[in-house]
Protein backbone atom coordinates (compact mmCIF):
# COMPACT_ATOMS: atom_id res chain seq x y z
CA MET A 1 16.81 -142.66 -97.89
CA ILE A 2 15.00 -142.63 -94.54
CA ARG A 3 15.54 -145.80 -92.51
CA TYR A 4 13.03 -146.90 -89.88
CA PHE A 5 12.93 -149.67 -87.31
CA PHE A 6 9.39 -150.60 -86.25
CA ASP A 7 8.59 -152.14 -82.91
CA THR A 8 5.54 -154.40 -83.08
CA SER A 9 3.43 -151.79 -81.25
CA ALA A 10 3.78 -149.56 -84.31
CA LEU A 11 3.92 -152.32 -86.94
CA ALA A 12 0.45 -153.60 -85.98
CA LYS A 13 -0.97 -150.24 -87.04
CA ARG A 14 -0.16 -151.06 -90.67
CA TYR A 15 -2.46 -154.08 -90.49
CA HIS A 16 -5.26 -152.88 -88.24
CA THR A 17 -6.81 -149.42 -88.19
CA GLU A 18 -6.25 -147.76 -84.83
CA ALA A 19 -4.67 -144.64 -83.36
CA GLY A 20 -1.51 -143.94 -85.34
CA THR A 21 -2.46 -145.87 -88.47
CA PRO A 22 -2.51 -142.77 -90.74
CA ARG A 23 1.04 -141.84 -89.74
CA VAL A 24 2.26 -145.41 -90.29
CA ALA A 25 0.57 -145.39 -93.70
CA ARG A 26 2.41 -142.16 -94.60
CA ILE A 27 5.74 -143.72 -93.66
CA PHE A 28 5.05 -146.78 -95.80
CA SER A 29 3.89 -144.64 -98.73
CA GLY A 30 7.24 -142.85 -98.83
CA VAL A 31 9.29 -143.76 -101.88
CA ASP A 32 12.74 -143.34 -100.44
CA ARG A 33 12.47 -145.38 -97.24
CA GLU A 34 13.47 -148.66 -95.68
CA VAL A 35 11.49 -150.32 -92.92
CA ARG A 36 13.07 -152.96 -90.71
CA ILE A 37 11.59 -155.14 -88.00
CA SER A 38 13.16 -157.80 -85.83
CA GLN A 39 12.42 -161.50 -86.12
CA LEU A 40 10.84 -161.13 -82.71
CA SER A 41 8.03 -159.16 -84.34
CA PHE A 42 6.64 -162.35 -85.91
CA VAL A 43 5.87 -163.79 -82.47
CA GLU A 44 4.71 -160.47 -81.03
CA PHE A 45 2.50 -159.92 -84.09
CA HIS A 46 0.72 -163.21 -83.36
CA SER A 47 0.28 -162.15 -79.76
CA VAL A 48 -1.12 -158.72 -80.67
CA PHE A 49 -3.64 -160.11 -83.13
CA ALA A 50 -4.62 -163.04 -80.88
CA GLY A 51 -5.41 -160.43 -78.23
CA LYS A 52 -7.58 -158.55 -80.71
CA VAL A 53 -9.46 -161.79 -81.46
CA ARG A 54 -9.94 -162.57 -77.74
CA ALA A 55 -11.21 -159.01 -77.18
CA GLY A 56 -13.72 -159.43 -80.01
CA VAL A 57 -12.15 -156.62 -82.04
CA ILE A 58 -11.46 -158.85 -85.07
CA GLU A 59 -12.29 -162.37 -86.19
CA ARG A 60 -9.68 -165.14 -86.11
CA ARG A 61 -9.78 -165.34 -89.92
CA ASP A 62 -8.87 -161.63 -90.10
CA ALA A 63 -5.90 -162.20 -87.80
CA GLY A 64 -4.63 -164.86 -90.20
CA LEU A 65 -5.15 -162.57 -93.18
CA GLN A 66 -3.13 -159.79 -91.52
CA ARG A 67 -0.30 -162.24 -90.76
CA ALA A 68 -0.35 -163.21 -94.45
CA ARG A 69 -0.18 -159.51 -95.41
CA LEU A 70 2.88 -159.10 -93.20
CA LEU A 71 4.59 -162.06 -94.87
CA LEU A 72 3.72 -160.66 -98.31
CA ASP A 73 5.17 -157.27 -97.35
CA ILE A 74 8.40 -159.00 -96.36
CA ALA A 75 8.47 -161.09 -99.54
CA ALA A 76 7.90 -157.93 -101.60
CA GLY A 77 10.74 -156.09 -99.86
CA GLU A 78 8.45 -153.55 -98.19
CA ILE A 79 9.83 -154.71 -94.84
CA VAL A 80 13.18 -156.27 -93.99
CA ALA A 81 13.25 -158.73 -91.08
CA VAL A 82 16.42 -158.65 -88.97
CA GLY A 83 17.48 -161.85 -87.23
CA LEU A 84 18.18 -161.88 -83.50
CA THR A 85 21.73 -162.61 -82.41
CA SER A 86 23.44 -163.35 -79.11
CA ASP A 87 24.67 -159.73 -79.21
CA HIS A 88 21.05 -158.56 -79.12
CA PHE A 89 20.40 -160.63 -76.00
CA ARG A 90 23.54 -159.22 -74.37
CA GLY A 91 22.43 -155.73 -75.37
CA ALA A 92 18.99 -156.29 -73.84
CA ASP A 93 20.64 -157.47 -70.63
CA GLU A 94 22.79 -154.33 -70.57
CA LEU A 95 19.68 -152.19 -71.09
CA PHE A 96 18.13 -153.79 -68.00
CA GLY A 97 21.29 -153.02 -66.07
CA ARG A 98 20.98 -149.35 -67.03
CA TYR A 99 17.20 -148.86 -66.94
CA GLY A 100 15.49 -151.87 -65.38
CA PHE A 101 15.33 -150.38 -61.90
CA SER A 102 14.09 -146.98 -62.98
CA HIS A 103 11.81 -147.79 -65.95
CA ARG A 104 9.21 -150.51 -66.51
CA LEU A 105 11.15 -151.88 -69.47
CA ARG A 106 9.83 -155.27 -70.56
CA THR A 107 11.96 -158.16 -71.77
CA LEU A 108 10.77 -158.21 -75.37
CA ASP A 109 10.93 -154.43 -75.60
CA ALA A 110 14.55 -154.54 -74.41
CA LEU A 111 15.30 -157.04 -77.18
CA GLN A 112 13.57 -154.85 -79.78
CA LEU A 113 15.53 -151.85 -78.57
CA ALA A 114 18.79 -153.82 -78.66
CA VAL A 115 18.11 -154.55 -82.34
CA GLY A 116 17.39 -150.87 -82.98
CA LEU A 117 20.63 -149.86 -81.26
CA ASP A 118 22.54 -152.40 -83.32
CA LEU A 119 21.07 -150.93 -86.51
CA ARG A 120 22.07 -147.46 -85.36
CA ASN A 121 25.60 -148.68 -84.67
CA GLN A 122 25.70 -150.04 -88.23
CA ASP A 123 24.52 -146.60 -89.42
CA ILE A 124 21.34 -148.01 -90.98
CA LEU A 125 18.73 -146.44 -88.70
CA ASP A 126 17.25 -142.97 -88.71
CA HIS A 127 14.07 -143.43 -86.62
CA PHE A 128 12.95 -145.92 -84.01
CA VAL A 129 9.15 -146.21 -84.31
CA ALA A 130 7.02 -147.49 -81.44
CA ALA A 131 3.76 -146.77 -79.67
CA ASP A 132 4.99 -147.69 -76.21
CA LYS A 133 5.87 -144.75 -73.97
CA VAL A 134 8.36 -146.59 -71.73
CA LEU A 135 10.15 -148.11 -74.71
CA LEU A 136 10.31 -144.71 -76.41
CA ASP A 137 11.63 -143.06 -73.24
CA VAL A 138 14.45 -145.59 -72.93
CA ALA A 139 15.19 -145.40 -76.68
CA ARG A 140 15.45 -141.63 -76.35
CA LEU A 141 17.80 -142.00 -73.36
CA GLU A 142 19.95 -144.22 -75.60
CA GLY A 143 20.16 -141.40 -78.11
CA LEU A 144 17.78 -142.74 -80.75
CA SER A 145 15.53 -140.52 -82.81
CA VAL A 146 12.06 -141.78 -81.89
CA MET A 147 8.66 -141.55 -83.51
CA ASN A 148 5.36 -142.40 -81.89
CA PRO A 149 2.69 -142.71 -84.57
CA GLU A 150 0.04 -142.08 -81.92
CA ASP A 151 1.53 -138.80 -80.69
CA PRO A 152 3.11 -136.48 -83.26
CA GLU A 153 4.44 -134.23 -80.48
CA LEU A 154 6.82 -137.00 -79.42
CA ASP A 155 8.56 -137.06 -82.79
CA GLN A 156 12.20 -136.23 -82.51
């Protein structure tokens, strides 16, 4: 079983064709895999697709349809949503203490990474998947195996 945690930057590629979508599709087509996301991804997903609507890339109706697809994937067990805990917020704060002055780590990315680190500590994570270079750099510094669906050379 291969266990993945998807940051929203990579998750969106399942629902909208863009750089990295083929690699994400290959991960999801694997039979012996688990994909987890954090609860935070629901809010970020809305933000990502609202931005696509504002940019004229997709219609508002399409954004709603992709949100429905995400919910169906969760209901079908294709994706497991992990709830945020106070430990995740503490972990994000600690990440800022270690990396906030040297990396442009963003608040929500630190929370996503804290969830990924928690999953690793529970021994239920093999790969942290994101399409954000700073987030991947910090995840790598934390010892996670990272995958960037946009750049196969970054796979570790």
